[in-house]
Amino acid sequence: MSAHVNRSRVIFRHWDQETGLDEVEERFTTLEDLFALCLRSSATLLVDRVVIEGQDAKGAQRVVTLVFQSVTVSNSDADGPH
């Protein structure tokens, strides 16, 4: 048996002055979908983590979580190293 992905999602963080910190979840199925979701994020909706759930080669349930730190880049920083 080979490893298999059952569910994958991006968790975004959203801050609202009135309601506070909240999370929004979007599912994806391909790397292209994940890439598009990450590019779509804005200053109000920031990627917090990517969660991939599935089974390993022996059939055991596994969860991989990739956690990110958000950074704000100002226009003056845009001309710096990439």
PDB file of N, CA and C in Angstrom:
ATOM      1  N   MET A   1       0.844  -1.177   0.000  1.00  0.00           N
ATOM      2  CA  MET A   1       0.000   0.000   0.000  1.00  0.00           C
ATOM      3  C   MET A   1       0.895   1.248   0.000  1.00  0.00           C
ATOM      4  N   SER A   2       0.532   2.249  -0.768  1.00  0.00           N
ATOM      5  CA  SER A   2       1.312   3.495  -0.799  1.00  0.00           C
ATOM      6  C   SER A   2       0.622   4.560   0.052  1.00  0.00           C
ATOM      7  N   ALA A   3       1.374   5.583   0.394  1.00  0.00           N
ATOM      8  CA  ALA A   3       0.820   6.688   1.176  1.00  0.00           C
ATOM      9  C   ALA A   3      -0.304   7.352   0.380  1.00  0.00           C
ATOM     10  N   HIS A   4      -1.302   7.867   1.100  1.00  0.00           N
ATOM     11  CA  HIS A   4      -2.476   8.441   0.444  1.00  0.00           C
ATOM     12  C   HIS A   4      -2.954   9.680   1.205  1.00  0.00           C
ATOM     13  N   VAL A   5      -3.253  10.749   0.495  1.00  0.00           N
ATOM     14  CA  VAL A   5      -3.793  11.976   1.096  1.00  0.00           C
ATOM     15  C   VAL A   5      -5.310  11.911   1.077  1.00  0.00           C
ATOM     16  N   ASN A   6      -5.938  12.136   2.241  1.00  0.00           N
ATOM     17  CA  ASN A   6      -7.395  12.141   2.336  1.00  0.00           C
ATOM     18  C   ASN A   6      -7.981  13.549   2.277  1.00  0.00           C
ATOM     19  N   ARG A   7      -7.276  14.500   2.898  1.00  0.00           N
ATOM     20  CA  ARG A   7      -7.796  15.865   2.974  1.00  0.00           C
ATOM     21  C   ARG A   7      -6.632  16.830   3.133  1.00  0.00           C
ATOM     22  N   SER A   8      -6.680  17.947   2.422  1.00  0.00           N
ATOM     23  CA  SER A   8      -5.645  18.967   2.554  1.00  0.00           C
ATOM     24  C   SER A   8      -6.310  20.334   2.554  1.00  0.00           C
ATOM     25  N   ARG A   9      -5.778  21.223   3.404  1.00  0.00           N
ATOM     26  CA  ARG A   9      -6.411  22.531   3.550  1.00  0.00           C
ATOM     27  C   ARG A   9      -5.407  23.586   3.981  1.00  0.00           C
ATOM     28  N   VAL A  10      -5.727  24.820   3.657  1.00  0.00           N
ATOM     29  CA  VAL A  10      -4.961  25.975   4.096  1.00  0.00           C
ATOM     30  C   VAL A  10      -5.800  26.679   5.146  1.00  0.00           C
ATOM     31  N   ILE A  11      -5.175  27.012   6.267  1.00  0.00           N
ATOM     32  CA  ILE A  11      -5.852  27.764   7.316  1.00  0.00           C
ATOM     33  C   ILE A  11      -5.323  29.199   7.244  1.00  0.00           C
ATOM     34  N   PHE A  12      -6.229  30.143   7.046  1.00  0.00           N
ATOM     35  CA  PHE A  12      -5.892  31.558   7.006  1.00  0.00           C
ATOM     36  C   PHE A  12      -6.285  32.185   8.332  1.00  0.00           C
ATOM     37  N   ARG A  13      -5.535  33.188   8.765  1.00  0.00           N
ATOM     38  CA  ARG A  13      -5.910  33.992   9.929  1.00  0.00           C
ATOM     39  C   ARG A  13      -6.465  35.311   9.434  1.00  0.00           C
ATOM     40  N   HIS A  14      -7.480  35.767  10.141  1.00  0.00           N
ATOM     41  CA  HIS A  14      -8.138  37.011   9.776  1.00  0.00           C
ATOM     42  C   HIS A  14      -8.361  37.826  11.039  1.00  0.00           C
ATOM     43  N   TRP A  15      -7.962  39.100  11.017  1.00  0.00           N
ATOM     44  CA  TRP A  15      -8.167  39.979  12.169  1.00  0.00           C
ATOM     45  C   TRP A  15      -9.236  40.995  11.827  1.00  0.00           C
ATOM     46  N   ASP A  16     -10.208  41.133  12.735  1.00  0.00           N
ATOM     47  CA  ASP A  16     -11.268  42.113  12.592  1.00  0.00           C
ATOM     48  C   ASP A  16     -11.357  42.920  13.880  1.00  0.00           C
ATOM     49  N   GLN A  17     -11.400  44.230  13.783  1.00  0.00           N
ATOM     50  CA  GLN A  17     -11.446  45.095  14.965  1.00  0.00           C
ATOM     51  C   GLN A  17     -12.605  44.738  15.891  1.00  0.00           C
ATOM     52  N   GLU A  18     -13.732  44.365  15.314  1.00  0.00           N
ATOM     53  CA  GLU A  18     -14.928  44.099  16.116  1.00  0.00           C
ATOM     54  C   GLU A  18     -14.989  42.675  16.651  1.00  0.00           C
ATOM     55  N   THR A  19     -14.622  41.705  15.843  1.00  0.00           N
ATOM     56  CA  THR A  19     -14.766  40.303  16.264  1.00  0.00           C
ATOM     57  C   THR A  19     -13.462  39.658  16.722  1.00  0.00           C
ATOM     58  N   GLY A  20     -12.314  40.297  16.454  1.00  0.00           N
ATOM     59  CA  GLY A  20     -11.032  39.754  16.891  1.00  0.00           C
ATOM     60  C   GLY A  20     -10.443  38.787  15.885  1.00  0.00           C
ATOM     61  N   LEU A  21      -9.600  37.874  16.378  1.00  0.00           N
ATOM     62  CA  LEU A  21      -8.888  36.919  15.534  1.00  0.00           C
ATOM     63  C   LEU A  21      -9.792  35.745  15.174  1.00  0.00           C
ATOM     64  N   ASP A  22      -9.788  35.386  13.903  1.00  0.00           N
ATOM     65  CA  ASP A  22     -10.626  34.295  13.419  1.00  0.00           C
ATOM     66  C   ASP A  22      -9.816  33.488  12.401  1.00  0.00           C
ATOM     67  N   GLU A  23     -10.252  32.273  12.128  1.00  0.00           N
ATOM     68  CA  GLU A  23      -9.606  31.436  11.126  1.00  0.00           C
ATOM     69  C   GLU A  23     -10.590  31.079  10.032  1.00  0.00           C
ATOM     70  N   VAL A  24     -10.071  31.036   8.811  1.00  0.00           N
ATOM     71  CA  VAL A  24     -10.852  30.661   7.639  1.00  0.00           C
ATOM     72  C   VAL A  24     -10.130  29.496   6.983  1.00  0.00           C
ATOM     73  N   GLU A  25     -10.862  28.476   6.594  1.00  0.00           N
ATOM     74  CA  GLU A  25     -10.275  27.262   6.010  1.00  0.00           C
ATOM     75  C   GLU A  25     -10.686  27.121   4.554  1.00  0.00           C
ATOM     76  N   GLU A  26      -9.694  26.815   3.700  1.00  0.00           N
ATOM     77  CA  GLU A  26      -9.954  26.540   2.283  1.00  0.00           C
ATOM     78  C   GLU A  26      -9.295  25.210   1.939  1.00  0.00           C
ATOM     79  N   ARG A  27     -10.024  24.320   1.290  1.00  0.00           N
ATOM     80  CA  ARG A  27      -9.461  23.025   0.887  1.00  0.00           C
ATOM     81  C   ARG A  27      -8.784  23.119  -0.471  1.00  0.00           C
ATOM     82  N   PHE A  28      -7.796  22.243  -0.693  1.00  0.00           N
ATOM     83  CA  PHE A  28      -7.145  22.151  -1.996  1.00  0.00           C
ATOM     84  C   PHE A  28      -6.866  20.696  -2.312  1.00  0.00           C
ATOM     85  N   THR A  29      -6.719  20.403  -3.613  1.00  0.00           N
ATOM     86  CA  THR A  29      -6.463  19.018  -4.022  1.00  0.00           C
ATOM     87  C   THR A  29      -5.149  18.854  -4.771  1.00  0.00           C
ATOM     88  N   THR A  30      -4.647  19.926  -5.371  1.00  0.00           N
ATOM     89  CA  THR A  30      -3.392  19.834  -6.121  1.00  0.00           C
ATOM     90  C   THR A  30      -2.419  20.898  -5.612  1.00  0.00           C
ATOM     91  N   LEU A  31      -1.157  20.754  -5.965  1.00  0.00           N
ATOM     92  CA  LEU A  31      -0.173  21.774  -5.619  1.00  0.00           C
ATOM     93  C   LEU A  31      -0.493  23.095  -6.302  1.00  0.00           C
ATOM     94  N   GLU A  32      -1.063  23.032  -7.494  1.00  0.00           N
ATOM     95  CA  GLU A  32      -1.464  24.246  -8.195  1.00  0.00           C
ATOM     96  C   GLU A  32      -2.554  24.974  -7.410  1.00  0.00           C
ATOM     97  N   ASP A  33      -3.514  24.215  -6.857  1.00  0.00           N
ATOM     98  CA  ASP A  33      -4.574  24.806  -6.024  1.00  0.00           C
ATOM     99  C   ASP A  33      -3.970  25.462  -4.784  1.00  0.00           C
ATOM    100  N   LEU A  34      -3.028  24.778  -4.136  1.00  0.00           N
ATOM    101  CA  LEU A  34      -2.368  25.326  -2.953  1.00  0.00           C
ATOM    102  C   LEU A  34      -1.640  26.614  -3.308  1.00  0.00           C
ATOM    103  N   PHE A  35      -0.907  26.603  -4.393  1.00  0.00           N
ATOM    104  CA  PHE A  35      -0.166  27.774  -4.833  1.00  0.00           C
ATOM    105  C   PHE A  35      -1.112  28.952  -5.077  1.00  0.00           C
ATOM    106  N   ALA A  36      -2.221  28.700  -5.772  1.00  0.00           N
ATOM    107  CA  ALA A  36      -3.200  29.755  -6.054  1.00  0.00           C
ATOM    108  C   ALA A  36      -3.799  30.307  -4.768  1.00  0.00           C
ATOM    109  N   LEU A  37      -4.109  29.442  -3.802  1.00  0.00           N
ATOM    110  CA  LEU A  37      -4.661  29.905  -2.518  1.00  0.00           C
ATOM    111  C   LEU A  37      -3.666  30.800  -1.792  1.00  0.00           C
ATOM    112  N   CYS A  38      -2.412  30.413  -1.795  1.00  0.00           N
ATOM    113  CA  CYS A  38      -1.397  31.208  -1.104  1.00  0.00           C
ATOM    114  C   CYS A  38      -1.181  32.555  -1.791  1.00  0.00           C
ATOM    115  N   LEU A  39      -1.242  32.592  -3.095  1.00  0.00           N
ATOM    116  CA  LEU A  39      -1.078  33.850  -3.824  1.00  0.00           C
ATOM    117  C   LEU A  39      -2.289  34.758  -3.653  1.00  0.00           C
ATOM    118  N   ARG A  40      -3.443  34.166  -3.443  1.00  0.00           N
ATOM    119  CA  ARG A  40      -4.680  34.918  -3.307  1.00  0.00           C
ATOM    120  C   ARG A  40      -4.767  35.657  -1.984  1.00  0.00           C
ATOM    121  N   SER A  41      -4.005  35.242  -0.995  1.00  0.00           N
ATOM    122  CA  SER A  41      -4.104  35.851   0.328  1.00  0.00           C
ATOM    123  C   SER A  41      -3.793  37.337   0.269  1.00  0.00           C
ATOM    124  N   SER A  42      -4.330  38.070   1.227  1.00  0.00           N
ATOM    125  CA  SER A  42      -4.164  39.521   1.260  1.00  0.00           C
ATOM    126  C   SER A  42      -3.705  39.951   2.645  1.00  0.00           C
ATOM    127  N   ALA A  43      -3.613  41.243   2.843  1.00  0.00           N
ATOM    128  CA  ALA A  43      -3.191  41.773   4.143  1.00  0.00           C
ATOM    129  C   ALA A  43      -4.209  41.425   5.228  1.00  0.00           C
ATOM    130  N   THR A  44      -5.446  41.193   4.856  1.00  0.00           N
ATOM    131  CA  THR A  44      -6.466  40.863   5.858  1.00  0.00           C
ATOM    132  C   THR A  44      -6.658  39.357   6.026  1.00  0.00           C
ATOM    133  N   LEU A  45      -6.165  38.566   5.091  1.00  0.00           N
ATOM    134  CA  LEU A  45      -6.315  37.114   5.149  1.00  0.00           C
ATOM    135  C   LEU A  45      -4.934  36.499   4.931  1.00  0.00           C
ATOM    136  N   LEU A  46      -4.272  36.093   6.022  1.00  0.00           N
ATOM    137  CA  LEU A  46      -2.889  35.623   5.962  1.00  0.00           C
ATOM    138  C   LEU A  46      -2.794  34.112   6.146  1.00  0.00           C
ATOM    139  N   VAL A  47      -1.931  33.473   5.357  1.00  0.00           N
ATOM    140  CA  VAL A  47      -1.713  32.032   5.493  1.00  0.00           C
ATOM    141  C   VAL A  47      -1.084  31.770   6.859  1.00  0.00           C
ATOM    142  N   ASP A  48      -1.715  30.904   7.648  1.00  0.00           N
ATOM    143  CA  ASP A  48      -1.175  30.531   8.954  1.00  0.00           C
ATOM    144  C   ASP A  48      -0.545  29.146   8.908  1.00  0.00           C
ATOM    145  N   ARG A  49      -1.251  28.196   8.290  1.00  0.00           N
ATOM    146  CA  ARG A  49      -0.709  26.843   8.223  1.00  0.00           C
ATOM    147  C   ARG A  49      -1.382  26.037   7.108  1.00  0.00           C
ATOM    148  N   VAL A  50      -0.675  25.001   6.669  1.00  0.00           N
ATOM    149  CA  VAL A  50      -1.180  24.043   5.690  1.00  0.00           C
ATOM    150  C   VAL A  50      -1.259  22.705   6.400  1.00  0.00           C
ATOM    151  N   VAL A  51      -2.419  22.050   6.326  1.00  0.00           N
ATOM    152  CA  VAL A  51      -2.629  20.769   7.008  1.00  0.00           C
ATOM    153  C   VAL A  51      -2.961  19.708   5.963  1.00  0.00           C
ATOM    154  N   ILE A  52      -2.189  18.624   5.980  1.00  0.00           N
ATOM    155  CA  ILE A  52      -2.401  17.510   5.057  1.00  0.00           C
ATOM    156  C   ILE A  52      -2.660  16.260   5.892  1.00  0.00           C
ATOM    157  N   GLU A  53      -3.815  15.648   5.691  1.00  0.00           N
ATOM    158  CA  GLU A  53      -4.197  14.451   6.442  1.00  0.00           C
ATOM    159  C   GLU A  53      -4.267  13.263   5.500  1.00  0.00           C
ATOM    160  N   GLY A  54      -3.804  12.110   5.971  1.00  0.00           N
ATOM    161  CA  GLY A  54      -3.842  10.920   5.137  1.00  0.00           C
ATOM    162  C   GLY A  54      -3.367   9.694   5.867  1.00  0.00           C
ATOM    163  N   GLN A  55      -2.887   8.736   5.096  1.00  0.00           N
ATOM    164  CA  GLN A  55      -2.406   7.469   5.637  1.00  0.00           C
ATOM    165  C   GLN A  55      -1.014   7.189   5.098  1.00  0.00           C
ATOM    166  N   ASP A  56      -0.163   6.603   5.952  1.00  0.00           N
ATOM    167  CA  ASP A  56       1.171   6.241   5.486  1.00  0.00           C
ATOM    168  C   ASP A  56       1.107   4.900   4.752  1.00  0.00           C
ATOM    169  N   ALA A  57       2.255   4.389   4.335  1.00  0.00           N
ATOM    170  CA  ALA A  57       2.316   3.161   3.547  1.00  0.00           C
ATOM    171  C   ALA A  57       1.783   1.945   4.292  1.00  0.00           C
ATOM    172  N   LYS A  58       1.752   2.011   5.640  1.00  0.00           N
ATOM    173  CA  LYS A  58       1.231   0.894   6.439  1.00  0.00           C
ATOM    174  C   LYS A  58      -0.232   1.075   6.805  1.00  0.00           C
ATOM    175  N   GLY A  59      -0.859   2.158   6.334  1.00  0.00           N
ATOM    176  CA  GLY A  59      -2.271   2.398   6.592  1.00  0.00           C
ATOM    177  C   GLY A  59      -2.559   3.191   7.860  1.00  0.00           C
ATOM    178  N   ALA A  60      -1.513   3.637   8.562  1.00  0.00           N
ATOM    179  CA  ALA A  60      -1.710   4.424   9.789  1.00  0.00           C
ATOM    180  C   ALA A  60      -2.071   5.866   9.437  1.00  0.00           C
ATOM    181  N   GLN A  61      -2.988   6.445  10.221  1.00  0.00           N
ATOM    182  CA  GLN A  61      -3.389   7.838  10.018  1.00  0.00           C
ATOM    183  C   GLN A  61      -2.223   8.774  10.318  1.00  0.00           C
ATOM    184  N   ARG A  62      -1.997   9.743   9.453  1.00  0.00           N
ATOM    185  CA  ARG A  62      -0.914  10.713   9.622  1.00  0.00           C
ATOM    186  C   ARG A  62      -1.421  12.110   9.308  1.00  0.00           C
ATOM    187  N   VAL A  63      -0.870  13.100  10.006  1.00  0.00           N
ATOM    188  CA  VAL A  63      -1.174  14.499   9.744  1.00  0.00           C
ATOM    189  C   VAL A  63       0.146  15.251   9.640  1.00  0.00           C
ATOM    190  N   VAL A  64       0.315  15.996   8.560  1.00  0.00           N
ATOM    191  CA  VAL A  64       1.475  16.857   8.373  1.00  0.00           C
ATOM    192  C   VAL A  64       0.958  18.286   8.432  1.00  0.00           C
ATOM    193  N   THR A  65       1.557  19.104   9.320  1.00  0.00           N
ATOM    194  CA  THR A  65       1.157  20.503   9.450  1.00  0.00           C
ATOM    195  C   THR A  65       2.373  21.388   9.191  1.00  0.00           C
ATOM    196  N   LEU A  66       2.237  22.279   8.224  1.00  0.00           N
ATOM    197  CA  LEU A  66       3.281  23.251   7.897  1.00  0.00           C
ATOM    198  C   LEU A  66       2.818  24.600   8.419  1.00  0.00           C
ATOM    199  N   VAL A  67       3.594  25.189   9.328  1.00  0.00           N
ATOM    200  CA  VAL A  67       3.203  26.435   9.989  1.00  0.00           C
ATOM    201  C   VAL A  67       4.062  27.578   9.451  1.00  0.00           C
ATOM    202  N   PHE A  68       3.433  28.733   9.251  1.00  0.00           N
ATOM    203  CA  PHE A  68       4.106  29.890   8.674  1.00  0.00           C
ATOM    204  C   PHE A  68       4.049  31.081   9.602  1.00  0.00           C
ATOM    205  N   GLN A  69       5.008  31.974   9.447  1.00  0.00           N
ATOM    206  CA  GLN A  69       4.967  33.270  10.106  1.00  0.00           C
ATOM    207  C   GLN A  69       4.728  34.299   9.022  1.00  0.00           C
ATOM    208  N   SER A  70       3.847  35.236   9.290  1.00  0.00           N
ATOM    209  CA  SER A  70       3.518  36.255   8.300  1.00  0.00           C
ATOM    210  C   SER A  70       4.473  37.430   8.396  1.00  0.00           C
ATOM    211  N   VAL A  71       4.745  38.020   7.248  1.00  0.00           N
ATOM    212  CA  VAL A  71       5.630  39.168   7.188  1.00  0.00           C
ATOM    213  C   VAL A  71       4.975  40.221   6.298  1.00  0.00           C
ATOM    214  N   THR A  72       5.150  41.472   6.675  1.00  0.00           N
ATOM    215  CA  THR A  72       4.674  42.561   5.831  1.00  0.00           C
ATOM    216  C   THR A  72       5.882  43.200   5.162  1.00  0.00           C
ATOM    217  N   VAL A  73       5.822  43.332   3.843  1.00  0.00           N
ATOM    218  CA  VAL A  73       6.911  43.946   3.093  1.00  0.00           C
ATOM    219  C   VAL A  73       6.407  45.295   2.587  1.00  0.00           C
ATOM    220  N   SER A  74       7.094  46.358   2.976  1.00  0.00           N
ATOM    221  CA  SER A  74       6.696  47.690   2.507  1.00  0.00           C
ATOM    222  C   SER A  74       7.292  47.933   1.130  1.00  0.00           C
ATOM    223  N   ASN A  75       6.816  48.950   0.441  1.00  0.00           N
ATOM    224  CA  ASN A  75       7.325  49.269  -0.894  1.00  0.00           C
ATOM    225  C   ASN A  75       8.812  49.541  -0.889  1.00  0.00           C
ATOM    226  N   SER A  76       9.334  50.147   0.168  1.00  0.00           N
ATOM    227  CA  SER A  76      10.759  50.435   0.216  1.00  0.00           C
ATOM    228  C   SER A  76      11.596  49.162   0.309  1.00  0.00           C
ATOM    229  N   ASP A  77      11.020  48.077   0.845  1.00  0.00           N
ATOM    230  CA  ASP A  77      11.719  46.800   0.931  1.00  0.00           C
ATOM    231  C   ASP A  77      11.664  46.019  -0.390  1.00  0.00           C
ATOM    232  N   ALA A  78      10.759  46.389  -1.278  1.00  0.00           N
ATOM    233  CA  ALA A  78      10.557  45.627  -2.509  1.00  0.00           C
ATOM    234  C   ALA A  78      11.774  45.668  -3.421  1.00  0.00           C
ATOM    235  N   ASP A  79      12.600  46.694  -3.318  1.00  0.00           N
ATOM    236  CA  ASP A  79      13.773  46.806  -4.173  1.00  0.00           C
ATOM    237  C   ASP A  79      14.979  46.058  -3.625  1.00  0.00           C
ATOM    238  N   GLY A  80      14.852  45.499  -2.429  1.00  0.00           N
ATOM    239  CA  GLY A  80      15.963  44.795  -1.796  1.00  0.00           C
ATOM    240  C   GLY A  80      16.151  43.401  -2.362  1.00  0.00           C
ATOM    241  N   PRO A  81      17.021  42.597  -1.720  1.00  0.00           N
ATOM    242  CA  PRO A  81      17.291  41.231  -2.185  1.00  0.00           C
ATOM    243  C   PRO A  81      16.030  40.371  -2.178  1.00  0.00           C
ATOM    244  N   HIS A  82      15.946  39.410  -3.089  1.00  0.00           N
ATOM    245  CA  HIS A  82      14.785  38.520  -3.178  1.00  0.00           C
ATOM    246  C   HIS A  82      15.200  37.111  -2.935  1.00  0.00           C
TER     247      HIS A  82
END
